[in-house]
Amino acid sequence: MVIPDTERNERNEQNLDDEGPGWKQGQPEIHRRHDLRTAIHKFLGNNTCVDITEMENFMSKIALDSDFALRTLRNETISTKWDFSGSFSFVITVVSTIGYGNMAPRTKEGRLALVIYALFGIPLTMVVLGYMGQLLTRLSTKVNRLKLCSRKPVLNKVLNMVLIVCLGLTMLFLVPAFIFQQVEKWHYLDGLYYCFVTLSTIGFGDYVAAISENRLSDKGAGDVYRIVTFAWILFGLAYVSLIISYITNVFVKRTEQVEKFTKDALEGEIDRLQVELKKTKTTMYQKASSVKTNVKNKSWGKPQGDAINESKNKTGVQLLSVSNFRTV
């Protein structure tokens, strides 16, 4: 018995829905696929003049830009994404390496220009963000020197860092998430999620602020909203650079302290070994001198050559005595 593809897929979905290590993550997609398949079958059943091939071609065109197609179907006023504010948001996502993916050049000339622009723009942006992070670091250092939170240096530094982190989280995450909730009609947690994904330059693109043309009725207000949003992105990236710089400095200082401690310990050990070596050499020299002196002062015999000479001298003296006796 041959099982139709639709029935086989439904059975696989039921198995994945009931068990398996990844069924919890796959369950929403399974329900969406089931609902979409039901809607397609219902549409084809109500419109028998449309075959599956024509519907696939039609849906392929819609998939290129579903939001644009939906607004066209509703006969809504659509402003181009490539106006000044839209282009500004595009270049920000390029040079910041966020890359939402909601806007991309489609012509060969535009893609070539993008490559050349990114080759120069990304390094320059990293330099600017690094410089902004250094400025914020200097500002935080000056705040630490003022000792606003405590007279104790260590406690003051910790409290100032906590204050900077709290202000950063409030101004760059909590408040923007609330604004996105009101303007973009997102859930507050979705706004927080978008803030993190954006400022960490992950940029999935599932949520993108300031791209819907009719979020704000006034075109000028929409442009201002876009510019402010991407100015927030730049400042947020600088703040993230500050945090990264601070963490890097902490690790560098810890490394320098460990290096200094290790160096001092090694130098102390080397000095101790040198002193021990000098003591050992002095002791060995003293022992060698003592042995040499003892050898010289030994009375248990002289060398063999001296004994022979002494014997010859004694024999000569005896012969001289005998000759003198005979002469007398």
C-alpha atoms as a PDB file:
ATOM      1  CA  MET A   1       0.000   0.000   0.000  1.00  0.00           C
ATOM      2  CA  VAL A   2       1.399   3.349  -1.061  1.00  0.00           C
ATOM      3  CA  ILE A   3       0.894   6.083   1.504  1.00  0.00           C
ATOM      4  CA  PRO A   4       0.177   9.511  -0.047  1.00  0.00           C
ATOM      5  CA  ASP A   5       2.686  12.259   0.672  1.00  0.00           C
ATOM      6  CA  THR A   6       0.105  14.266   2.592  1.00  0.00           C
ATOM      7  CA  GLU A   7      -0.795  11.350   4.852  1.00  0.00           C
ATOM      8  CA  ARG A   8       2.883  10.431   5.315  1.00  0.00           C
ATOM      9  CA  ASN A   9       3.724  14.005   6.321  1.00  0.00           C
ATOM     10  CA  GLU A  10       0.808  14.088   8.754  1.00  0.00           C
ATOM     11  CA  ARG A  11       1.998  10.841  10.342  1.00  0.00           C
ATOM     12  CA  ASN A  12       5.547  12.177  10.632  1.00  0.00           C
ATOM     13  CA  GLU A  13       4.202  15.369  12.186  1.00  0.00           C
ATOM     14  CA  GLN A  14       2.181  13.357  14.696  1.00  0.00           C
ATOM     15  CA  ASN A  15       5.259  11.330  15.637  1.00  0.00           C
ATOM     16  CA  LEU A  16       7.351  14.488  15.988  1.00  0.00           C
ATOM     17  CA  ASP A  17       4.560  16.116  17.956  1.00  0.00           C
ATOM     18  CA  ASP A  18       4.380  13.223  20.428  1.00  0.00           C
ATOM     19  CA  GLU A  19       8.013  12.380  21.034  1.00  0.00           C
ATOM     20  CA  GLY A  20      11.560  13.164  20.067  1.00  0.00           C
ATOM     21  CA  PRO A  21      14.250  15.416  21.521  1.00  0.00           C
ATOM     22  CA  GLY A  22      13.329  18.438  19.429  1.00  0.00           C
ATOM     23  CA  TRP A  23       9.552  18.195  19.283  1.00  0.00           C
ATOM     24  CA  LYS A  24       8.985  21.191  21.561  1.00  0.00           C
ATOM     25  CA  GLN A  25      10.882  23.468  19.200  1.00  0.00           C
ATOM     26  CA  GLY A  26       9.316  21.909  16.103  1.00  0.00           C
ATOM     27  CA  GLN A  27       5.747  21.953  17.371  1.00  0.00           C
ATOM     28  CA  PRO A  28       4.927  25.577  16.375  1.00  0.00           C
ATOM     29  CA  GLU A  29       6.216  24.975  12.843  1.00  0.00           C
ATOM     30  CA  ILE A  30       4.177  21.784  12.614  1.00  0.00           C
ATOM     31  CA  HIS A  31       0.989  23.598  13.582  1.00  0.00           C
ATOM     32  CA  ARG A  32       1.735  26.434  11.157  1.00  0.00           C
ATOM     33  CA  ARG A  33       2.410  23.950   8.361  1.00  0.00           C
ATOM     34  CA  HIS A  34      -0.798  22.088   9.122  1.00  0.00           C
ATOM     35  CA  ASP A  35      -2.837  25.304   9.143  1.00  0.00           C
ATOM     36  CA  LEU A  36      -1.218  26.479   5.911  1.00  0.00           C
ATOM     37  CA  ARG A  37      -1.817  23.157   4.192  1.00  0.00           C
ATOM     38  CA  THR A  38      -5.454  23.239   5.290  1.00  0.00           C
ATOM     39  CA  ALA A  39      -5.859  26.783   3.939  1.00  0.00           C
ATOM     40  CA  ILE A  40      -4.284  25.808   0.588  1.00  0.00           C
ATOM     41  CA  HIS A  41      -6.519  22.771   0.201  1.00  0.00           C
ATOM     42  CA  LYS A  42      -9.554  24.861   1.067  1.00  0.00           C
ATOM     43  CA  PHE A  43      -8.564  27.541  -1.447  1.00  0.00           C
ATOM     44  CA  LEU A  44      -7.982  24.993  -4.224  1.00  0.00           C
ATOM     45  CA  GLY A  45     -11.276  23.291  -3.371  1.00  0.00           C
ATOM     46  CA  ASN A  46     -13.181  26.574  -3.636  1.00  0.00           C
ATOM     47  CA  ASN A  47     -11.308  27.622  -6.806  1.00  0.00           C
ATOM     48  CA  THR A  48     -11.141  24.558  -9.006  1.00  0.00           C
ATOM     49  CA  CYS A  49      -9.984  26.631 -11.974  1.00  0.00           C
ATOM     50  CA  VAL A  50      -6.615  27.220 -10.275  1.00  0.00           C
ATOM     51  CA  ASP A  51      -4.142  24.355 -10.450  1.00  0.00           C
ATOM     52  CA  ILE A  52      -1.206  23.784  -8.117  1.00  0.00           C
ATOM     53  CA  THR A  53       1.406  24.961 -10.658  1.00  0.00           C
ATOM     54  CA  GLU A  54      -0.199  28.370 -11.118  1.00  0.00           C
ATOM     55  CA  MET A  55      -0.528  28.735  -7.376  1.00  0.00           C
ATOM     56  CA  GLU A  56       3.168  27.890  -6.855  1.00  0.00           C
ATOM     57  CA  ASN A  57       4.213  30.542  -9.381  1.00  0.00           C
ATOM     58  CA  PHE A  58       1.931  33.103  -7.768  1.00  0.00           C
ATOM     59  CA  MET A  59       3.221  32.342  -4.265  1.00  0.00           C
ATOM     60  CA  SER A  60       6.845  32.492  -5.462  1.00  0.00           C
ATOM     61  CA  LYS A  61       6.303  36.071  -6.626  1.00  0.00           C
ATOM     62  CA  ILE A  62       4.649  36.992  -3.350  1.00  0.00           C
ATOM     63  CA  ALA A  63       7.494  35.395  -1.368  1.00  0.00           C
ATOM     64  CA  LEU A  64       9.962  37.905  -2.836  1.00  0.00           C
ATOM     65  CA  ASP A  65       8.390  40.639  -0.698  1.00  0.00           C
ATOM     66  CA  SER A  66       5.295  39.516   1.152  1.00  0.00           C
ATOM     67  CA  ASP A  67       4.810  42.824   2.992  1.00  0.00           C
ATOM     68  CA  PHE A  68       5.000  44.792  -0.261  1.00  0.00           C
ATOM     69  CA  ALA A  69       2.589  42.358  -1.958  1.00  0.00           C
ATOM     70  CA  LEU A  70       0.119  42.557   0.911  1.00  0.00           C
ATOM     71  CA  ARG A  71       0.117  46.356   0.889  1.00  0.00           C
ATOM     72  CA  THR A  72      -0.334  46.330  -2.883  1.00  0.00           C
ATOM     73  CA  LEU A  73      -3.297  43.963  -2.536  1.00  0.00           C
ATOM     74  CA  ARG A  74      -4.845  46.277   0.063  1.00  0.00           C
ATOM     75  CA  ASN A  75      -4.204  49.285  -2.191  1.00  0.00           C
ATOM     76  CA  GLU A  76      -2.308  51.028   0.595  1.00  0.00           C
ATOM     77  CA  THR A  77       0.082  53.904   0.029  1.00  0.00           C
ATOM     78  CA  ILE A  78       3.601  52.521  -0.113  1.00  0.00           C
ATOM     79  CA  SER A  79       6.649  54.709   0.154  1.00  0.00           C
ATOM     80  CA  THR A  80       9.901  53.368  -1.165  1.00  0.00           C
ATOM     81  CA  LYS A  81      12.373  51.818   1.241  1.00  0.00           C
ATOM     82  CA  TRP A  82      15.212  53.476  -0.635  1.00  0.00           C
ATOM     83  CA  ASP A  83      14.461  57.042   0.389  1.00  0.00           C
ATOM     84  CA  PHE A  84      16.933  58.937   2.596  1.00  0.00           C
ATOM     85  CA  SER A  85      15.820  57.455   5.909  1.00  0.00           C
ATOM     86  CA  GLY A  86      15.606  53.955   4.455  1.00  0.00           C
ATOM     87  CA  SER A  87      19.028  54.261   2.844  1.00  0.00           C
ATOM     88  CA  PHE A  88      20.402  55.643   6.104  1.00  0.00           C
ATOM     89  CA  SER A  89      19.094  52.632   7.999  1.00  0.00           C
ATOM     90  CA  PHE A  90      20.539  50.320   5.338  1.00  0.00           C
ATOM     91  CA  VAL A  91      24.066  51.735   5.527  1.00  0.00           C
ATOM     92  CA  ILE A  92      23.942  51.583   9.334  1.00  0.00           C
ATOM     93  CA  THR A  93      23.103  47.880   9.220  1.00  0.00           C
ATOM     94  CA  VAL A  94      25.951  47.355   6.736  1.00  0.00           C
ATOM     95  CA  VAL A  95      28.781  49.176   8.513  1.00  0.00           C
ATOM     96  CA  SER A  96      27.692  47.918  11.940  1.00  0.00           C
ATOM     97  CA  THR A  97      27.625  44.325  10.569  1.00  0.00           C
ATOM     98  CA  ILE A  98      24.108  43.809  11.970  1.00  0.00           C
ATOM     99  CA  GLY A  99      22.717  42.850   8.575  1.00  0.00           C
ATOM    100  CA  TYR A 100      19.018  42.266   9.215  1.00  0.00           C
ATOM    101  CA  GLY A 101      18.481  41.031   5.682  1.00  0.00           C
ATOM    102  CA  ASN A 102      15.265  42.982   5.156  1.00  0.00           C
ATOM    103  CA  MET A 103      16.944  45.251   2.577  1.00  0.00           C
ATOM    104  CA  ALA A 104      19.531  44.234   0.018  1.00  0.00           C
ATOM    105  CA  PRO A 105      20.714  45.509  -3.372  1.00  0.00           C
ATOM    106  CA  ARG A 106      19.324  43.530  -6.299  1.00  0.00           C
ATOM    107  CA  THR A 107      21.338  44.929  -9.193  1.00  0.00           C
ATOM    108  CA  LYS A 108      24.912  43.935 -10.023  1.00  0.00           C
ATOM    109  CA  GLU A 109      26.039  47.551  -9.803  1.00  0.00           C
ATOM    110  CA  GLY A 110      24.439  47.962  -6.382  1.00  0.00           C
ATOM    111  CA  ARG A 111      26.036  44.784  -5.059  1.00  0.00           C
ATOM    112  CA  LEU A 112      29.459  45.828  -6.357  1.00  0.00           C
ATOM    113  CA  ALA A 113      29.064  49.261  -4.769  1.00  0.00           C
ATOM    114  CA  LEU A 114      28.019  47.585  -1.514  1.00  0.00           C
ATOM    115  CA  VAL A 115      31.151  45.410  -1.457  1.00  0.00           C
ATOM    116  CA  ILE A 116      33.451  48.388  -2.035  1.00  0.00           C
ATOM    117  CA  TYR A 117      31.586  50.502   0.507  1.00  0.00           C
ATOM    118  CA  ALA A 118      31.652  47.744   3.144  1.00  0.00           C
ATOM    119  CA  LEU A 119      35.392  47.130   2.685  1.00  0.00           C
ATOM    120  CA  PHE A 120      36.090  50.721   3.730  1.00  0.00           C
ATOM    121  CA  GLY A 121      33.045  51.461   5.876  1.00  0.00           C
ATOM    122  CA  ILE A 122      33.209  48.526   8.286  1.00  0.00           C
ATOM    123  CA  PRO A 123      36.832  49.109   9.456  1.00  0.00           C
ATOM    124  CA  LEU A 124      36.224  52.853   9.813  1.00  0.00           C
ATOM    125  CA  THR A 125      33.066  52.209  11.806  1.00  0.00           C
ATOM    126  CA  MET A 126      34.907  49.810  14.100  1.00  0.00           C
ATOM    127  CA  VAL A 127      37.566  52.481  14.669  1.00  0.00           C
ATOM    128  CA  VAL A 128      34.921  55.121  15.436  1.00  0.00           C
ATOM    129  CA  LEU A 129      33.040  52.807  17.796  1.00  0.00           C
ATOM    130  CA  GLY A 130      36.303  51.889  19.509  1.00  0.00           C
ATOM    131  CA  TYR A 131      37.154  55.571  19.930  1.00  0.00           C
ATOM    132  CA  MET A 132      33.693  56.268  21.335  1.00  0.00           C
ATOM    133  CA  GLY A 133      34.171  53.370  23.722  1.00  0.00           C
ATOM    134  CA  GLN A 134      37.497  54.853  24.848  1.00  0.00           C
ATOM    135  CA  LEU A 135      35.830  58.218  25.444  1.00  0.00           C
ATOM    136  CA  LEU A 136      33.168  56.568  27.564  1.00  0.00           C
ATOM    137  CA  THR A 137      35.893  54.656  29.399  1.00  0.00           C
ATOM    138  CA  ARG A 138      37.726  57.899  30.183  1.00  0.00           C
ATOM    139  CA  LEU A 139      34.466  59.432  31.342  1.00  0.00           C
ATOM    140  CA  SER A 140      33.819  56.497  33.659  1.00  0.00           C
ATOM    141  CA  THR A 141      37.401  56.786  34.968  1.00  0.00           C
ATOM    142  CA  LYS A 142      36.854  60.455  35.793  1.00  0.00           C
ATOM    143  CA  VAL A 143      33.608  59.567  37.535  1.00  0.00           C
ATOM    144  CA  ASN A 144      35.483  56.962  39.588  1.00  0.00           C
ATOM    145  CA  ARG A 145      38.017  59.590  40.660  1.00  0.00           C
ATOM    146  CA  LEU A 146      35.264  61.855  41.946  1.00  0.00           C
ATOM    147  CA  LYS A 147      34.308  59.200  44.517  1.00  0.00           C
ATOM    148  CA  LEU A 148      30.623  60.049  44.333  1.00  0.00           C
ATOM    149  CA  CYS A 149      29.407  56.722  45.713  1.00  0.00           C
ATOM    150  CA  SER A 150      31.998  55.971  48.380  1.00  0.00           C
ATOM    151  CA  ARG A 151      35.307  57.185  49.772  1.00  0.00           C
ATOM    152  CA  LYS A 152      36.777  53.718  49.517  1.00  0.00           C
ATOM    153  CA  PRO A 153      38.378  53.322  46.055  1.00  0.00           C
ATOM    154  CA  VAL A 154      37.433  49.684  45.494  1.00  0.00           C
ATOM    155  CA  LEU A 155      33.848  50.077  46.722  1.00  0.00           C
ATOM    156  CA  ASN A 156      33.465  53.337  44.781  1.00  0.00           C
ATOM    157  CA  LYS A 157      34.655  51.674  41.574  1.00  0.00           C
ATOM    158  CA  VAL A 158      32.252  48.763  42.002  1.00  0.00           C
ATOM    159  CA  LEU A 159      29.293  51.043  42.766  1.00  0.00           C
ATOM    160  CA  ASN A 160      30.095  53.307  39.808  1.00  0.00           C
ATOM    161  CA  MET A 161      30.263  50.292  37.497  1.00  0.00           C
ATOM    162  CA  VAL A 162      26.916  49.052  38.799  1.00  0.00           C
ATOM    163  CA  LEU A 163      25.473  52.530  38.222  1.00  0.00           C
ATOM    164  CA  ILE A 164      26.826  52.669  34.655  1.00  0.00           C
ATOM    165  CA  VAL A 165      25.450  49.212  33.872  1.00  0.00           C
ATOM    166  CA  CYS A 166      22.025  50.054  35.315  1.00  0.00           C
ATOM    167  CA  LEU A 167      21.837  53.332  33.376  1.00  0.00           C
ATOM    168  CA  GLY A 168      22.931  51.560  30.201  1.00  0.00           C
ATOM    169  CA  LEU A 169      20.366  48.799  30.602  1.00  0.00           C
ATOM    170  CA  THR A 170      17.647  51.363  31.270  1.00  0.00           C
ATOM    171  CA  MET A 171      18.477  53.733  28.402  1.00  0.00           C
ATOM    172  CA  LEU A 172      19.421  51.098  25.829  1.00  0.00           C
ATOM    173  CA  PHE A 173      17.108  48.193  26.647  1.00  0.00           C
ATOM    174  CA  LEU A 174      14.206  48.940  28.976  1.00  0.00           C
ATOM    175  CA  VAL A 175      13.134  52.331  27.578  1.00  0.00           C
ATOM    176  CA  PRO A 176      13.625  51.431  23.865  1.00  0.00           C
ATOM    177  CA  ALA A 177      11.701  48.184  24.374  1.00  0.00           C
ATOM    178  CA  PHE A 178       8.783  50.198  25.760  1.00  0.00           C
ATOM    179  CA  ILE A 179       8.951  52.596  22.782  1.00  0.00           C
ATOM    180  CA  PHE A 180       8.974  49.682  20.336  1.00  0.00           C
ATOM    181  CA  GLN A 181       6.004  48.209  22.159  1.00  0.00           C
ATOM    182  CA  GLN A 182       4.034  51.405  21.616  1.00  0.00           C
ATOM    183  CA  VAL A 183       5.143  52.222  18.062  1.00  0.00           C
ATOM    184  CA  GLU A 184       5.751  48.801  16.512  1.00  0.00           C
ATOM    185  CA  LYS A 185       2.912  47.124  18.463  1.00  0.00           C
ATOM    186  CA  TRP A 186       5.250  44.400  19.685  1.00  0.00           C
ATOM    187  CA  HIS A 187       5.158  42.576  22.971  1.00  0.00           C
ATOM    188  CA  TYR A 188       7.504  44.086  25.543  1.00  0.00           C
ATOM    189  CA  LEU A 189       9.617  40.929  25.687  1.00  0.00           C
ATOM    190  CA  ASP A 190       9.889  41.013  21.893  1.00  0.00           C
ATOM    191  CA  GLY A 191      11.192  44.561  22.195  1.00  0.00           C
ATOM    192  CA  LEU A 192      13.834  43.451  24.703  1.00  0.00           C
ATOM    193  CA  TYR A 193      14.711  40.568  22.427  1.00  0.00           C
ATOM    194  CA  TYR A 194      15.125  42.941  19.478  1.00  0.00           C
ATOM    195  CA  CYS A 195      17.340  45.277  21.535  1.00  0.00           C
ATOM    196  CA  PHE A 196      19.663  42.460  22.510  1.00  0.00           C
ATOM    197  CA  VAL A 197      19.825  40.903  19.044  1.00  0.00           C
ATOM    198  CA  THR A 198      20.534  44.309  17.505  1.00  0.00           C
ATOM    199  CA  LEU A 199      23.140  45.656  19.933  1.00  0.00           C
ATOM    200  CA  SER A 200      24.960  42.333  19.996  1.00  0.00           C
ATOM    201  CA  THR A 201      25.081  42.558  16.136  1.00  0.00           C
ATOM    202  CA  ILE A 202      23.468  39.117  15.834  1.00  0.00           C
ATOM    203  CA  GLY A 203      20.748  40.595  13.623  1.00  0.00           C
ATOM    204  CA  PHE A 204      18.440  37.667  12.889  1.00  0.00           C
ATOM    205  CA  GLY A 205      16.014  39.946  11.057  1.00  0.00           C
ATOM    206  CA  ASP A 206      12.854  38.400  12.496  1.00  0.00           C
ATOM    207  CA  TYR A 207      12.150  41.741  14.211  1.00  0.00           C
ATOM    208  CA  VAL A 208      13.266  44.988  12.593  1.00  0.00           C
ATOM    209  CA  ALA A 209      12.224  48.398  13.860  1.00  0.00           C
ATOM    210  CA  ALA A 210      11.526  51.478  11.757  1.00  0.00           C
ATOM    211  CA  ILE A 211      10.873  49.732   8.451  1.00  0.00           C
ATOM    212  CA  SER A 212       7.075  49.695   8.294  1.00  0.00           C
ATOM    213  CA  GLU A 213       5.903  52.687   6.337  1.00  0.00           C
ATOM    214  CA  ASN A 214       2.591  53.234   8.100  1.00  0.00           C
ATOM    215  CA  ARG A 215       3.573  52.776  11.725  1.00  0.00           C
ATOM    216  CA  LEU A 216       3.506  56.539  12.036  1.00  0.00           C
ATOM    217  CA  SER A 217       0.937  58.472  10.031  1.00  0.00           C
ATOM    218  CA  ASP A 218       3.195  61.456   9.420  1.00  0.00           C
ATOM    219  CA  LYS A 219       5.976  60.813   6.920  1.00  0.00           C
ATOM    220  CA  GLY A 220       8.263  63.285   8.650  1.00  0.00           C
ATOM    221  CA  ALA A 221       7.660  61.636  12.004  1.00  0.00           C
ATOM    222  CA  GLY A 222       8.478  58.272  10.444  1.00  0.00           C
ATOM    223  CA  ASP A 223      11.786  59.618   9.109  1.00  0.00           C
ATOM    224  CA  VAL A 224      12.679  61.059  12.505  1.00  0.00           C
ATOM    225  CA  TYR A 225      11.744  57.753  14.126  1.00  0.00           C
ATOM    226  CA  ARG A 226      14.064  55.877  11.779  1.00  0.00           C
ATOM    227  CA  ILE A 227      16.991  58.234  12.310  1.00  0.00           C
ATOM    228  CA  VAL A 228      16.555  58.208  16.093  1.00  0.00           C
ATOM    229  CA  THR A 229      16.326  54.411  16.061  1.00  0.00           C
ATOM    230  CA  PHE A 230      19.588  53.978  14.223  1.00  0.00           C
ATOM    231  CA  ALA A 231      21.281  56.709  16.248  1.00  0.00           C
ATOM    232  CA  TRP A 232      20.265  54.591  19.251  1.00  0.00           C
ATOM    233  CA  ILE A 233      21.946  51.633  17.564  1.00  0.00           C
ATOM    234  CA  LEU A 234      25.219  53.542  17.140  1.00  0.00           C
ATOM    235  CA  PHE A 235      25.215  54.753  20.736  1.00  0.00           C
ATOM    236  CA  GLY A 236      24.293  51.276  21.939  1.00  0.00           C
ATOM    237  CA  LEU A 237      27.175  49.739  20.016  1.00  0.00           C
ATOM    238  CA  ALA A 238      29.512  52.313  21.596  1.00  0.00           C
ATOM    239  CA  TYR A 239      28.145  51.367  25.018  1.00  0.00           C
ATOM    240  CA  VAL A 240      28.727  47.693  24.276  1.00  0.00           C
ATOM    241  CA  SER A 241      32.256  48.659  23.220  1.00  0.00           C
ATOM    242  CA  LEU A 242      32.656  50.369  26.613  1.00  0.00           C
ATOM    243  CA  ILE A 243      31.577  47.233  28.462  1.00  0.00           C
ATOM    244  CA  ILE A 244      33.871  45.065  26.332  1.00  0.00           C
ATOM    245  CA  SER A 245      36.737  47.519  26.896  1.00  0.00           C
ATOM    246  CA  TYR A 246      36.120  47.455  30.647  1.00  0.00           C
ATOM    247  CA  ILE A 247      36.065  43.655  30.747  1.00  0.00           C
ATOM    248  CA  THR A 248      39.207  43.549  28.596  1.00  0.00           C
ATOM    249  CA  ASN A 249      40.990  45.977  30.928  1.00  0.00           C
ATOM    250  CA  VAL A 250      40.028  43.860  33.927  1.00  0.00           C
ATOM    251  CA  PHE A 251      41.454  40.748  32.284  1.00  0.00           C
ATOM    252  CA  VAL A 252      44.585  42.627  31.181  1.00  0.00           C
ATOM    253  CA  LYS A 253      45.188  43.943  34.703  1.00  0.00           C
ATOM    254  CA  ARG A 254      44.649  40.510  36.185  1.00  0.00           C
ATOM    255  CA  THR A 255      47.054  39.060  33.636  1.00  0.00           C
ATOM    256  CA  GLU A 256      49.646  41.731  34.421  1.00  0.00           C
ATOM    257  CA  GLN A 257      49.280  41.038  38.143  1.00  0.00           C
ATOM    258  CA  VAL A 258      49.728  37.310  37.609  1.00  0.00           C
ATOM    259  CA  GLU A 259      52.681  37.990  35.311  1.00  0.00           C
ATOM    260  CA  LYS A 260      54.294  40.315  37.876  1.00  0.00           C
ATOM    261  CA  PHE A 261      53.706  37.827  40.684  1.00  0.00           C
ATOM    262  CA  THR A 262      55.200  35.016  38.604  1.00  0.00           C
ATOM    263  CA  LYS A 263      58.153  37.178  37.565  1.00  0.00           C
ATOM    264  CA  ASP A 264      58.867  38.224  41.160  1.00  0.00           C
ATOM    265  CA  ALA A 265      58.605  34.629  42.326  1.00  0.00           C
ATOM    266  CA  LEU A 266      60.996  33.438  39.609  1.00  0.00           C
ATOM    267  CA  GLU A 267      63.467  36.247  40.303  1.00  0.00           C
ATOM    268  CA  GLY A 268      63.345  35.473  44.034  1.00  0.00           C
ATOM    269  CA  GLU A 269      63.939  31.794  43.351  1.00  0.00           C
ATOM    270  CA  ILE A 270      66.842  32.606  41.021  1.00  0.00           C
ATOM    271  CA  ASP A 271      68.398  34.909  43.647  1.00  0.00           C
ATOM    272  CA  ARG A 272      67.998  32.210  46.281  1.00  0.00           C
ATOM    273  CA  LEU A 273      69.650  29.629  44.016  1.00  0.00           C
ATOM    274  CA  GLN A 274      72.517  32.021  43.281  1.00  0.00           C
ATOM    275  CA  VAL A 275      73.091  32.583  47.019  1.00  0.00           C
ATOM    276  CA  GLU A 276      72.993  28.838  47.641  1.00  0.00           C
ATOM    277  CA  LEU A 277      75.423  28.310  44.769  1.00  0.00           C
ATOM    278  CA  LYS A 278      77.836  30.889  46.190  1.00  0.00           C
ATOM    279  CA  LYS A 279      77.622  29.267  49.607  1.00  0.00           C
ATOM    280  CA  THR A 280      78.264  25.869  48.059  1.00  0.00           C
ATOM    281  CA  LYS A 281      81.284  27.163  46.125  1.00  0.00           C
ATOM    282  CA  THR A 282      82.683  28.821  49.263  1.00  0.00           C
ATOM    283  CA  THR A 283      82.200  25.647  51.279  1.00  0.00           C
ATOM    284  CA  MET A 284      83.832  23.524  48.588  1.00  0.00           C
ATOM    285  CA  TYR A 285      86.773  25.943  48.358  1.00  0.00           C
ATOM    286  CA  GLN A 286      87.227  25.890  52.117  1.00  0.00           C
ATOM    287  CA  LYS A 287      87.108  22.102  52.180  1.00  0.00           C
ATOM    288  CA  ALA A 288      89.632  21.902  49.326  1.00  0.00           C
ATOM    289  CA  SER A 289      91.990  24.281  51.132  1.00  0.00           C
ATOM    290  CA  SER A 290      91.631  22.278  54.336  1.00  0.00           C
ATOM    291  CA  VAL A 291      92.426  19.038  52.542  1.00  0.00           C
ATOM    292  CA  LYS A 292      95.476  20.612  50.876  1.00  0.00           C
ATOM    293  CA  THR A 293      96.765  21.907  54.223  1.00  0.00           C
ATOM    294  CA  ASN A 294      96.256  18.544  55.876  1.00  0.00           C
ATOM    295  CA  VAL A 295      98.155  16.826  53.090  1.00  0.00           C
ATOM    296  CA  LYS A 296     101.124  19.170  53.532  1.00  0.00           C
ATOM    297  CA  ASN A 297     101.180  18.762  57.321  1.00  0.00           C
ATOM    298  CA  LYS A 298     101.025  14.960  57.339  1.00  0.00           C
ATOM    299  CA  SER A 299     104.016  13.361  59.156  1.00  0.00           C
ATOM    300  CA  TRP A 300     103.461   9.823  57.995  1.00  0.00           C
ATOM    301  CA  GLY A 301     106.245   9.933  55.390  1.00  0.00           C
ATOM    302  CA  LYS A 302     107.998  11.936  52.700  1.00  0.00           C
ATOM    303  CA  PRO A 303     108.180  11.295  49.020  1.00  0.00           C
ATOM    304  CA  GLN A 304     110.440   8.471  47.731  1.00  0.00           C
ATOM    305  CA  GLY A 305     112.840  10.806  45.909  1.00  0.00           C
ATOM    306  CA  ASP A 306     113.612  12.742  49.088  1.00  0.00           C
ATOM    307  CA  ALA A 307     114.302   9.477  50.954  1.00  0.00           C
ATOM    308  CA  ILE A 308     116.858   8.391  48.331  1.00  0.00           C
ATOM    309  CA  ASN A 309     118.630  11.745  48.467  1.00  0.00           C
ATOM    310  CA  GLU A 310     118.718  11.585  52.247  1.00  0.00           C
ATOM    311  CA  SER A 311     120.154   8.039  52.088  1.00  0.00           C
ATOM    312  CA  LYS A 312     122.843   9.189  49.665  1.00  0.00           C
ATOM    313  CA  ASN A 313     123.762  12.062  51.936  1.00  0.00           C
ATOM    314  CA  LYS A 314     124.075   9.720  54.917  1.00  0.00           C
ATOM    315  CA  THR A 315     126.320   7.348  52.918  1.00  0.00           C
ATOM    316  CA  GLY A 316     128.562  10.229  51.860  1.00  0.00           C
ATOM    317  CA  VAL A 317     128.924  11.414  55.415  1.00  0.00           C
ATOM    318  CA  GLN A 318     129.919   7.926  56.579  1.00  0.00           C
ATOM    319  CA  LEU A 319     132.546   7.571  53.834  1.00  0.00           C
ATOM    320  CA  LEU A 320     133.964  10.970  54.727  1.00  0.00           C
ATOM    321  CA  SER A 321     134.232   9.936  58.354  1.00  0.00           C
ATOM    322  CA  VAL A 322     136.076   6.704  57.476  1.00  0.00           C
ATOM    323  CA  SER A 323     138.619   8.509  55.269  1.00  0.00           C
ATOM    324  CA  ASN A 324     139.298  11.066  57.967  1.00  0.00           C
ATOM    325  CA  PHE A 325     139.873   8.262  60.487  1.00  0.00           C
ATOM    326  CA  ARG A 326     142.397   6.550  58.179  1.00  0.00           C
ATOM    327  CA  THR A 327     144.306   9.753  57.639  1.00  0.00           C
ATOM    328  CA  VAL A 328     144.769  10.270  61.336  1.00  0.00           C
END
